[in-house]
Amino acid sequence: MESKIAGAISLKYQPVALIWSDEKLAEAVQFQEGKWGCIMWLAASAAKGKAAVCNRKQLGDNLMTFTVPLAMFEEMERNVAGSFLERHTWQTLLKAKNGE
């Protein structure tokens, strides 16, 4: 799926999905047992096409994520046209972010 939101905010990579599972892909990257790290490393790996996994044993109880149901994400995608993402103010912020 090509994300309209990713295009509207000029993301270099496509969004990633966080999925709860009781199983782990054998090829997935994750922190070593007894080690911890920033979850953004895992998200960056996923954005580049690698499967990444983590668990509470590695991340601890102070875990914060932002997630929305797929239906809500799809609604957000449908509503990009005409939203603040296409307004002058947002475009100005994007240009400043990109050094233009």
PDB file of N, CA and C in Angstrom:
ATOM      1  N   MET A   1       0.840  -1.173   0.000  1.00  0.00           N
ATOM      2  CA  MET A   1       0.000   0.000   0.000  1.00  0.00           C
ATOM      3  C   MET A   1       0.890   1.242   0.000  1.00  0.00           C
ATOM      4  N   GLU A   2       0.653   2.127  -0.895  1.00  0.00           N
ATOM      5  CA  GLU A   2       1.366   3.403  -0.949  1.00  0.00           C
ATOM      6  C   GLU A   2       0.610   4.394  -0.074  1.00  0.00           C
ATOM      7  N   SER A   3       1.249   4.909   0.949  1.00  0.00           N
ATOM      8  CA  SER A   3       0.590   5.783   1.906  1.00  0.00           C
ATOM      9  C   SER A   3       0.522   7.221   1.407  1.00  0.00           C
ATOM     10  N   LYS A   4      -0.702   7.765   1.361  1.00  0.00           N
ATOM     11  CA  LYS A   4      -0.890   9.172   0.991  1.00  0.00           C
ATOM     12  C   LYS A   4      -0.337  10.076   2.087  1.00  0.00           C
ATOM     13  N   ILE A   5      -0.478   9.642   3.348  1.00  0.00           N
ATOM     14  CA  ILE A   5       0.045  10.435   4.460  1.00  0.00           C
ATOM     15  C   ILE A   5       1.557  10.525   4.357  1.00  0.00           C
ATOM     16  N   ALA A   6       2.212   9.409   4.084  1.00  0.00           N
ATOM     17  CA  ALA A   6       3.673   9.417   3.944  1.00  0.00           C
ATOM     18  C   ALA A   6       4.097  10.371   2.840  1.00  0.00           C
ATOM     19  N   GLY A   7       3.344  10.395   1.744  1.00  0.00           N
ATOM     20  CA  GLY A   7       3.655  11.306   0.652  1.00  0.00           C
ATOM     21  C   GLY A   7       3.407  12.760   1.027  1.00  0.00           C
ATOM     22  N   ALA A   8       2.315  12.991   1.740  1.00  0.00           N
ATOM     23  CA  ALA A   8       1.954  14.363   2.103  1.00  0.00           C
ATOM     24  C   ALA A   8       2.942  14.992   3.078  1.00  0.00           C
ATOM     25  N   ILE A   9       3.563  14.173   3.911  1.00  0.00           N
ATOM     26  CA  ILE A   9       4.521  14.738   4.875  1.00  0.00           C
ATOM     27  C   ILE A   9       5.962  14.431   4.481  1.00  0.00           C
ATOM     28  N   SER A  10       6.132  13.990   3.243  1.00  0.00           N
ATOM     29  CA  SER A  10       7.457  13.754   2.656  1.00  0.00           C
ATOM     30  C   SER A  10       8.314  12.772   3.458  1.00  0.00           C
ATOM     31  N   LEU A  11       7.719  11.650   3.856  1.00  0.00           N
ATOM     32  CA  LEU A  11       8.502  10.640   4.556  1.00  0.00           C
ATOM     33  C   LEU A  11       9.466   9.967   3.590  1.00  0.00           C
ATOM     34  N   LYS A  12      10.659   9.691   4.055  1.00  0.00           N
ATOM     35  CA  LYS A  12      11.645   8.989   3.236  1.00  0.00           C
ATOM     36  C   LYS A  12      11.256   7.513   3.091  1.00  0.00           C
ATOM     37  N   TYR A  13      10.664   6.961   4.146  1.00  0.00           N
ATOM     38  CA  TYR A  13      10.258   5.556   4.153  1.00  0.00           C
ATOM     39  C   TYR A  13       8.755   5.456   4.384  1.00  0.00           C
ATOM     40  N   GLN A  14       8.186   4.334   3.998  1.00  0.00           N
ATOM     41  CA  GLN A  14       6.772   4.089   4.217  1.00  0.00           C
ATOM     42  C   GLN A  14       6.524   3.779   5.695  1.00  0.00           C
ATOM     43  N   PRO A  15       5.293   4.004   6.173  1.00  0.00           N
ATOM     44  CA  PRO A  15       4.967   3.683   7.563  1.00  0.00           C
ATOM     45  C   PRO A  15       5.142   2.190   7.834  1.00  0.00           C
ATOM     46  N   VAL A  16       5.300   1.855   9.094  1.00  0.00           N
ATOM     47  CA  VAL A  16       5.408   0.451   9.488  1.00  0.00           C
ATOM     48  C   VAL A  16       4.181   0.073  10.309  1.00  0.00           C
ATOM     49  N   ALA A  17       3.888  -1.193  10.344  1.00  0.00           N
ATOM     50  CA  ALA A  17       2.765  -1.694  11.138  1.00  0.00           C
ATOM     51  C   ALA A  17       3.291  -2.405  12.365  1.00  0.00           C
ATOM     52  N   LEU A  18       2.649  -2.162  13.493  1.00  0.00           N
ATOM     53  CA  LEU A  18       2.960  -2.880  14.719  1.00  0.00           C
ATOM     54  C   LEU A  18       1.894  -3.941  14.908  1.00  0.00           C
ATOM     55  N   ILE A  19       2.324  -5.177  15.007  1.00  0.00           N
ATOM     56  CA  ILE A  19       1.388  -6.289  15.099  1.00  0.00           C
ATOM     57  C   ILE A  19       1.718  -7.108  16.337  1.00  0.00           C
ATOM     58  N   TRP A  20       0.713  -7.371  17.160  1.00  0.00           N
ATOM     59  CA  TRP A  20       0.908  -8.226  18.326  1.00  0.00           C
ATOM     60  C   TRP A  20       0.821  -9.674  17.881  1.00  0.00           C
ATOM     61  N   SER A  21       1.754 -10.493  18.342  1.00  0.00           N
ATOM     62  CA  SER A  21       1.780 -11.891  17.946  1.00  0.00           C
ATOM     63  C   SER A  21       2.416 -12.731  19.042  1.00  0.00           C
ATOM     64  N   ASP A  22       2.056 -13.988  19.091  1.00  0.00           N
ATOM     65  CA  ASP A  22       2.695 -14.927  20.011  1.00  0.00           C
ATOM     66  C   ASP A  22       3.841 -15.664  19.331  1.00  0.00           C
ATOM     67  N   GLU A  23       4.055 -15.376  18.062  1.00  0.00           N
ATOM     68  CA  GLU A  23       5.104 -16.044  17.298  1.00  0.00           C
ATOM     69  C   GLU A  23       6.083 -15.019  16.756  1.00  0.00           C
ATOM     70  N   LYS A  24       7.316 -15.460  16.513  1.00  0.00           N
ATOM     71  CA  LYS A  24       8.373 -14.584  16.013  1.00  0.00           C
ATOM     72  C   LYS A  24       8.925 -15.170  14.716  1.00  0.00           C
ATOM     73  N   LEU A  25       9.102 -14.329  13.717  1.00  0.00           N
ATOM     74  CA  LEU A  25       9.742 -14.767  12.479  1.00  0.00           C
ATOM     75  C   LEU A  25      11.211 -15.069  12.765  1.00  0.00           C
ATOM     76  N   ALA A  26      11.713 -16.152  12.230  1.00  0.00           N
ATOM     77  CA  ALA A  26      13.097 -16.559  12.483  1.00  0.00           C
ATOM     78  C   ALA A  26      14.097 -15.498  12.032  1.00  0.00           C
ATOM     79  N   GLU A  27      13.796 -14.783  10.946  1.00  0.00           N
ATOM     80  CA  GLU A  27      14.737 -13.803  10.397  1.00  0.00           C
ATOM     81  C   GLU A  27      14.579 -12.406  11.007  1.00  0.00           C
ATOM     82  N   ALA A  28      13.664 -12.244  11.947  1.00  0.00           N
ATOM     83  CA  ALA A  28      13.415 -10.922  12.531  1.00  0.00           C
ATOM     84  C   ALA A  28      14.590 -10.463  13.395  1.00  0.00           C
ATOM     85  N   VAL A  29      14.883  -9.161  13.314  1.00  0.00           N
ATOM     86  CA  VAL A  29      15.921  -8.583  14.176  1.00  0.00           C
ATOM     87  C   VAL A  29      15.295  -8.238  15.521  1.00  0.00           C
ATOM     88  N   GLN A  30      16.091  -8.344  16.580  1.00  0.00           N
ATOM     89  CA  GLN A  30      15.624  -7.949  17.898  1.00  0.00           C
ATOM     90  C   GLN A  30      16.819  -7.734  18.811  1.00  0.00           C
ATOM     91  N   PHE A  31      16.584  -7.110  19.953  1.00  0.00           N
ATOM     92  CA  PHE A  31      17.656  -6.910  20.918  1.00  0.00           C
ATOM     93  C   PHE A  31      18.073  -8.261  21.485  1.00  0.00           C
ATOM     94  N   GLN A  32      19.349  -8.393  21.824  1.00  0.00           N
ATOM     95  CA  GLN A  32      19.836  -9.631  22.417  1.00  0.00           C
ATOM     96  C   GLN A  32      19.221  -9.823  23.794  1.00  0.00           C
ATOM     97  N   GLU A  33      19.097 -11.068  24.198  1.00  0.00           N
ATOM     98  CA  GLU A  33      18.578 -11.400  25.523  1.00  0.00           C
ATOM     99  C   GLU A  33      19.397 -10.673  26.589  1.00  0.00           C
ATOM    100  N   GLY A  34      18.730 -10.025  27.524  1.00  0.00           N
ATOM    101  CA  GLY A  34      19.414  -9.311  28.588  1.00  0.00           C
ATOM    102  C   GLY A  34      19.877  -7.918  28.204  1.00  0.00           C
ATOM    103  N   LYS A  35      19.665  -7.533  26.954  1.00  0.00           N
ATOM    104  CA  LYS A  35      20.052  -6.198  26.471  1.00  0.00           C
ATOM    105  C   LYS A  35      18.786  -5.425  26.134  1.00  0.00           C
ATOM    106  N   TRP A  36      18.900  -4.124  26.092  1.00  0.00           N
ATOM    107  CA  TRP A  36      17.777  -3.294  25.700  1.00  0.00           C
ATOM    108  C   TRP A  36      18.287  -2.166  24.822  1.00  0.00           C
ATOM    109  N   GLY A  37      17.371  -1.498  24.176  1.00  0.00           N
ATOM    110  CA  GLY A  37      17.749  -0.395  23.306  1.00  0.00           C
ATOM    111  C   GLY A  37      16.534   0.418  22.927  1.00  0.00           C
ATOM    112  N   CYS A  38      16.740   1.391  22.103  1.00  0.00           N
ATOM    113  CA  CYS A  38      15.665   2.272  21.654  1.00  0.00           C
ATOM    114  C   CYS A  38      14.807   1.546  20.619  1.00  0.00           C
ATOM    115  N   ILE A  39      13.509   1.558  20.841  1.00  0.00           N
ATOM    116  CA  ILE A  39      12.589   0.879  19.930  1.00  0.00           C
ATOM    117  C   ILE A  39      12.633   1.494  18.530  1.00  0.00           C
ATOM    118  N   MET A  40      13.120   2.723  18.414  1.00  0.00           N
ATOM    119  CA  MET A  40      13.199   3.359  17.103  1.00  0.00           C
ATOM    120  C   MET A  40      14.160   2.634  16.172  1.00  0.00           C
ATOM    121  N   TRP A  41      15.173   1.972  16.745  1.00  0.00           N
ATOM    122  CA  TRP A  41      16.069   1.159  15.913  1.00  0.00           C
ATOM    123  C   TRP A  41      15.278   0.056  15.240  1.00  0.00           C
ATOM    124  N   LEU A  42      14.367  -0.569  15.985  1.00  0.00           N
ATOM    125  CA  LEU A  42      13.534  -1.626  15.413  1.00  0.00           C
ATOM    126  C   LEU A  42      12.572  -1.057  14.374  1.00  0.00           C
ATOM    127  N   ALA A  43      11.993   0.103  14.660  1.00  0.00           N
ATOM    128  CA  ALA A  43      11.075   0.735  13.705  1.00  0.00           C
ATOM    129  C   ALA A  43      11.812   1.113  12.423  1.00  0.00           C
ATOM    130  N   ALA A  44      13.046   1.618  12.566  1.00  0.00           N
ATOM    131  CA  ALA A  44      13.842   1.981  11.379  1.00  0.00           C
ATOM    132  C   ALA A  44      14.152   0.743  10.549  1.00  0.00           C
ATOM    133  N   SER A  45      14.461  -0.366  11.206  1.00  0.00           N
ATOM    134  CA  SER A  45      14.714  -1.615  10.478  1.00  0.00           C
ATOM    135  C   SER A  45      13.471  -2.049   9.723  1.00  0.00           C
ATOM    136  N   ALA A  46      12.309  -1.930  10.360  1.00  0.00           N
ATOM    137  CA  ALA A  46      11.048  -2.305   9.705  1.00  0.00           C
ATOM    138  C   ALA A  46      10.759  -1.398   8.519  1.00  0.00           C
ATOM    139  N   ALA A  47      11.036  -0.109   8.662  1.00  0.00           N
ATOM    140  CA  ALA A  47      10.789   0.842   7.572  1.00  0.00           C
ATOM    141  C   ALA A  47      11.664   0.535   6.360  1.00  0.00           C
ATOM    142  N   LYS A  48      12.794  -0.118   6.604  1.00  0.00           N
ATOM    143  CA  LYS A  48      13.699  -0.482   5.510  1.00  0.00           C
ATOM    144  C   LYS A  48      13.425  -1.887   4.980  1.00  0.00           C
ATOM    145  N   GLY A  49      12.319  -2.510   5.462  1.00  0.00           N
ATOM    146  CA  GLY A  49      11.892  -3.784   4.920  1.00  0.00           C
ATOM    147  C   GLY A  49      12.251  -5.014   5.725  1.00  0.00           C
ATOM    148  N   LYS A  50      12.879  -4.846   6.880  1.00  0.00           N
ATOM    149  CA  LYS A  50      13.220  -5.996   7.721  1.00  0.00           C
ATOM    150  C   LYS A  50      12.135  -6.203   8.769  1.00  0.00           C
ATOM    151  N   ALA A  51      11.872  -7.458   9.093  1.00  0.00           N
ATOM    152  CA  ALA A  51      10.969  -7.741  10.206  1.00  0.00           C
ATOM    153  C   ALA A  51      11.730  -7.490  11.498  1.00  0.00           C
ATOM    154  N   ALA A  52      11.077  -6.889  12.472  1.00  0.00           N
ATOM    155  CA  ALA A  52      11.697  -6.605  13.763  1.00  0.00           C
ATOM    156  C   ALA A  52      10.728  -6.999  14.864  1.00  0.00           C
ATOM    157  N   VAL A  53      11.248  -7.547  15.936  1.00  0.00           N
ATOM    158  CA  VAL A  53      10.396  -7.949  17.056  1.00  0.00           C
ATOM    159  C   VAL A  53      10.970  -7.435  18.367  1.00  0.00           C
ATOM    160  N   CYS A  54      10.104  -7.264  19.331  1.00  0.00           N
ATOM    161  CA  CYS A  54      10.524  -6.920  20.689  1.00  0.00           C
ATOM    162  C   CYS A  54       9.483  -7.495  21.643  1.00  0.00           C
ATOM    163  N   ASN A  55       9.862  -7.570  22.903  1.00  0.00           N
ATOM    164  CA  ASN A  55       8.921  -8.059  23.904  1.00  0.00           C
ATOM    165  C   ASN A  55       9.108  -7.292  25.198  1.00  0.00           C
ATOM    166  N   ARG A  56       8.191  -7.471  26.128  1.00  0.00           N
ATOM    167  CA  ARG A  56       8.249  -6.729  27.388  1.00  0.00           C
ATOM    168  C   ARG A  56       9.495  -7.069  28.190  1.00  0.00           C
ATOM    169  N   LYS A  57      10.002  -8.282  28.050  1.00  0.00           N
ATOM    170  CA  LYS A  57      11.218  -8.660  28.765  1.00  0.00           C
ATOM    171  C   LYS A  57      12.377  -7.757  28.351  1.00  0.00           C
ATOM    172  N   GLN A  58      12.399  -7.368  27.072  1.00  0.00           N
ATOM    173  CA  GLN A  58      13.483  -6.527  26.565  1.00  0.00           C
ATOM    174  C   GLN A  58      13.199  -5.042  26.745  1.00  0.00           C
ATOM    175  N   LEU A  59      11.940  -4.627  26.649  1.00  0.00           N
ATOM    176  CA  LEU A  59      11.616  -3.212  26.687  1.00  0.00           C
ATOM    177  C   LEU A  59      11.194  -2.724  28.064  1.00  0.00           C
ATOM    178  N   GLY A  60      10.760  -3.604  28.912  1.00  0.00           N
ATOM    179  CA  GLY A  60      10.290  -3.189  30.225  1.00  0.00           C
ATOM    180  C   GLY A  60       8.852  -2.715  30.177  1.00  0.00           C
ATOM    181  N   ASP A  61       8.363  -2.302  31.322  1.00  0.00           N
ATOM    182  CA  ASP A  61       6.961  -1.899  31.427  1.00  0.00           C
ATOM    183  C   ASP A  61       6.703  -0.467  30.974  1.00  0.00           C
ATOM    184  N   ASN A  62       7.733   0.353  30.862  1.00  0.00           N
ATOM    185  CA  ASN A  62       7.559   1.748  30.468  1.00  0.00           C
ATOM    186  C   ASN A  62       7.603   1.899  28.959  1.00  0.00           C
ATOM    187  N   LEU A  63       6.721   1.219  28.291  1.00  0.00           N
ATOM    188  CA  LEU A  63       6.671   1.216  26.833  1.00  0.00           C
ATOM    189  C   LEU A  63       5.528   2.105  26.371  1.00  0.00           C
ATOM    190  N   MET A  64       5.802   2.974  25.431  1.00  0.00           N
ATOM    191  CA  MET A  64       4.767   3.826  24.876  1.00  0.00           C
ATOM    192  C   MET A  64       4.779   3.682  23.359  1.00  0.00           C
ATOM    193  N   THR A  65       3.618   3.451  22.792  1.00  0.00           N
ATOM    194  CA  THR A  65       3.503   3.383  21.340  1.00  0.00           C
ATOM    195  C   THR A  65       2.285   4.192  20.907  1.00  0.00           C
ATOM    196  N   PHE A  66       2.275   4.578  19.670  1.00  0.00           N
ATOM    197  CA  PHE A  66       1.109   5.233  19.081  1.00  0.00           C
ATOM    198  C   PHE A  66       0.584   4.291  18.025  1.00  0.00           C
ATOM    199  N   THR A  67      -0.600   3.833  18.204  1.00  0.00           N
ATOM    200  CA  THR A  67      -1.194   2.943  17.214  1.00  0.00           C
ATOM    201  C   THR A  67      -2.644   3.339  16.991  1.00  0.00           C
ATOM    202  N   VAL A  68      -3.123   3.027  15.823  1.00  0.00           N
ATOM    203  CA  VAL A  68      -4.536   3.214  15.522  1.00  0.00           C
ATOM    204  C   VAL A  68      -5.012   1.959  14.802  1.00  0.00           C
ATOM    205  N   PRO A  69      -6.284   1.638  14.924  1.00  0.00           N
ATOM    206  CA  PRO A  69      -6.816   0.500  14.180  1.00  0.00           C
ATOM    207  C   PRO A  69      -6.659   0.724  12.678  1.00  0.00           C
ATOM    208  N   LEU A  70      -6.512  -0.369  11.944  1.00  0.00           N
ATOM    209  CA  LEU A  70      -6.346  -0.275  10.495  1.00  0.00           C
ATOM    210  C   LEU A  70      -7.466   0.546   9.866  1.00  0.00           C
ATOM    211  N   ALA A  71      -8.698   0.348  10.313  1.00  0.00           N
ATOM    212  CA  ALA A  71      -9.819   1.098   9.736  1.00  0.00           C
ATOM    213  C   ALA A  71      -9.627   2.604   9.930  1.00  0.00           C
ATOM    214  N   MET A  72      -9.108   3.009  11.088  1.00  0.00           N
ATOM    215  CA  MET A  72      -8.879   4.436  11.339  1.00  0.00           C
ATOM    216  C   MET A  72      -7.743   4.950  10.464  1.00  0.00           C
ATOM    217  N   PHE A  73      -6.680   4.140  10.308  1.00  0.00           N
ATOM    218  CA  PHE A  73      -5.583   4.549   9.437  1.00  0.00           C
ATOM    219  C   PHE A  73      -6.079   4.724   8.007  1.00  0.00           C
ATOM    220  N   GLU A  74      -6.898   3.781   7.544  1.00  0.00           N
ATOM    221  CA  GLU A  74      -7.436   3.877   6.185  1.00  0.00           C
ATOM    222  C   GLU A  74      -8.314   5.119   6.038  1.00  0.00           C
ATOM    223  N   GLU A  75      -9.085   5.449   7.091  1.00  0.00           N
ATOM    224  CA  GLU A  75      -9.897   6.669   7.054  1.00  0.00           C
ATOM    225  C   GLU A  75      -9.000   7.898   6.989  1.00  0.00           C
ATOM    226  N   MET A  76      -7.920   7.896   7.760  1.00  0.00           N
ATOM    227  CA  MET A  76      -6.971   9.008   7.723  1.00  0.00           C
ATOM    228  C   MET A  76      -6.391   9.144   6.317  1.00  0.00           C
ATOM    229  N   GLU A  77      -6.050   8.023   5.690  1.00  0.00           N
ATOM    230  CA  GLU A  77      -5.520   8.041   4.324  1.00  0.00           C
ATOM    231  C   GLU A  77      -6.525   8.661   3.355  1.00  0.00           C
ATOM    232  N   ARG A  78      -7.801   8.280   3.491  1.00  0.00           N
ATOM    233  CA  ARG A  78      -8.840   8.813   2.591  1.00  0.00           C
ATOM    234  C   ARG A  78      -9.048  10.308   2.780  1.00  0.00           C
ATOM    235  N   ASN A  79      -8.731  10.817   3.970  1.00  0.00           N
ATOM    236  CA  ASN A  79      -8.995  12.220   4.287  1.00  0.00           C
ATOM    237  C   ASN A  79      -7.811  13.146   4.069  1.00  0.00           C
ATOM    238  N   VAL A  80      -6.741  12.665   3.456  1.00  0.00           N
ATOM    239  CA  VAL A  80      -5.579  13.527   3.211  1.00  0.00           C
ATOM    240  C   VAL A  80      -5.957  14.676   2.281  1.00  0.00           C
ATOM    241  N   ALA A  81      -6.694  14.364   1.229  1.00  0.00           N
ATOM    242  CA  ALA A  81      -7.101  15.417   0.281  1.00  0.00           C
ATOM    243  C   ALA A  81      -7.949  16.451   1.015  1.00  0.00           C
ATOM    244  N   GLY A  82      -7.508  17.711   0.965  1.00  0.00           N
ATOM    245  CA  GLY A  82      -8.230  18.786   1.611  1.00  0.00           C
ATOM    246  C   GLY A  82      -7.903  18.978   3.084  1.00  0.00           C
ATOM    247  N   SER A  83      -7.039  18.125   3.637  1.00  0.00           N
ATOM    248  CA  SER A  83      -6.685  18.243   5.053  1.00  0.00           C
ATOM    249  C   SER A  83      -5.563  19.267   5.252  1.00  0.00           C
ATOM    250  N   PHE A  84      -5.164  19.454   6.504  1.00  0.00           N
ATOM    251  CA  PHE A  84      -4.078  20.393   6.815  1.00  0.00           C
ATOM    252  C   PHE A  84      -2.781  20.011   6.119  1.00  0.00           C
ATOM    253  N   LEU A  85      -2.630  18.746   5.733  1.00  0.00           N
ATOM    254  CA  LEU A  85      -1.405  18.299   5.067  1.00  0.00           C
ATOM    255  C   LEU A  85      -1.216  18.957   3.705  1.00  0.00           C
ATOM    256  N   GLU A  86      -2.280  19.504   3.144  1.00  0.00           N
ATOM    257  CA  GLU A  86      -2.189  20.163   1.851  1.00  0.00           C
ATOM    258  C   GLU A  86      -2.251  21.689   1.952  1.00  0.00           C
ATOM    259  N   ARG A  87      -2.357  22.206   3.154  1.00  0.00           N
ATOM    260  CA  ARG A  87      -2.473  23.657   3.342  1.00  0.00           C
ATOM    261  C   ARG A  87      -1.114  24.335   3.313  1.00  0.00           C
ATOM    262  N   HIS A  88      -1.138  25.632   3.043  1.00  0.00           N
ATOM    263  CA  HIS A  88       0.072  26.436   2.907  1.00  0.00           C
ATOM    264  C   HIS A  88       0.969  26.347   4.147  1.00  0.00           C
ATOM    265  N   THR A  89       0.380  26.421   5.332  1.00  0.00           N
ATOM    266  CA  THR A  89       1.183  26.396   6.566  1.00  0.00           C
ATOM    267  C   THR A  89       1.991  25.110   6.659  1.00  0.00           C
ATOM    268  N   TRP A  90       1.343  23.981   6.393  1.00  0.00           N
ATOM    269  CA  TRP A  90       2.057  22.696   6.457  1.00  0.00           C
ATOM    270  C   TRP A  90       3.144  22.632   5.393  1.00  0.00           C
ATOM    271  N   GLN A  91       2.849  23.097   4.203  1.00  0.00           N
ATOM    272  CA  GLN A  91       3.837  23.074   3.131  1.00  0.00           C
ATOM    273  C   GLN A  91       5.051  23.935   3.498  1.00  0.00           C
ATOM    274  N   THR A  92       4.803  25.067   4.163  1.00  0.00           N
ATOM    275  CA  THR A  92       5.893  25.944   4.612  1.00  0.00           C
ATOM    276  C   THR A  92       6.754  25.233   5.649  1.00  0.00           C
ATOM    277  N   LEU A  93       6.117  24.521   6.584  1.00  0.00           N
ATOM    278  CA  LEU A  93       6.858  23.759   7.584  1.00  0.00           C
ATOM    279  C   LEU A  93       7.699  22.661   6.938  1.00  0.00           C
ATOM    280  N   LEU A  94       7.158  21.999   5.933  1.00  0.00           N
ATOM    281  CA  LEU A  94       7.898  20.951   5.232  1.00  0.00           C
ATOM    282  C   LEU A  94       9.131  21.536   4.539  1.00  0.00           C
ATOM    283  N   LYS A  95       8.961  22.677   3.898  1.00  0.00           N
ATOM    284  CA  LYS A  95      10.096  23.304   3.221  1.00  0.00           C
ATOM    285  C   LYS A  95      11.179  23.672   4.212  1.00  0.00           C
ATOM    286  N   ALA A  96      10.788  24.193   5.378  1.00  0.00           N
ATOM    287  CA  ALA A  96      11.763  24.546   6.417  1.00  0.00           C
ATOM    288  C   ALA A  96      12.468  23.292   6.928  1.00  0.00           C
ATOM    289  N   LYS A  97      11.714  22.219   7.118  1.00  0.00           N
ATOM    290  CA  LYS A  97      12.292  20.953   7.579  1.00  0.00           C
ATOM    291  C   LYS A  97      13.307  20.414   6.573  1.00  0.00           C
ATOM    292  N   ASN A  98      13.016  20.601   5.316  1.00  0.00           N
ATOM    293  CA  ASN A  98      13.887  20.085   4.256  1.00  0.00           C
ATOM    294  C   ASN A  98      14.982  21.075   3.855  1.00  0.00           C
ATOM    295  N   GLY A  99      15.073  22.199   4.577  1.00  0.00           N
ATOM    296  CA  GLY A  99      16.119  23.176   4.309  1.00  0.00           C
ATOM    297  C   GLY A  99      15.917  23.989   3.045  1.00  0.00           C
ATOM    298  N   GLU A 100      14.683  24.120   2.602  1.00  0.00           N
ATOM    299  CA  GLU A 100      14.402  24.884   1.371  1.00  0.00           C
ATOM    300  C   GLU A 100      14.152  26.338   1.675  1.00  0.00           C
TER     301      GLU A 100
END
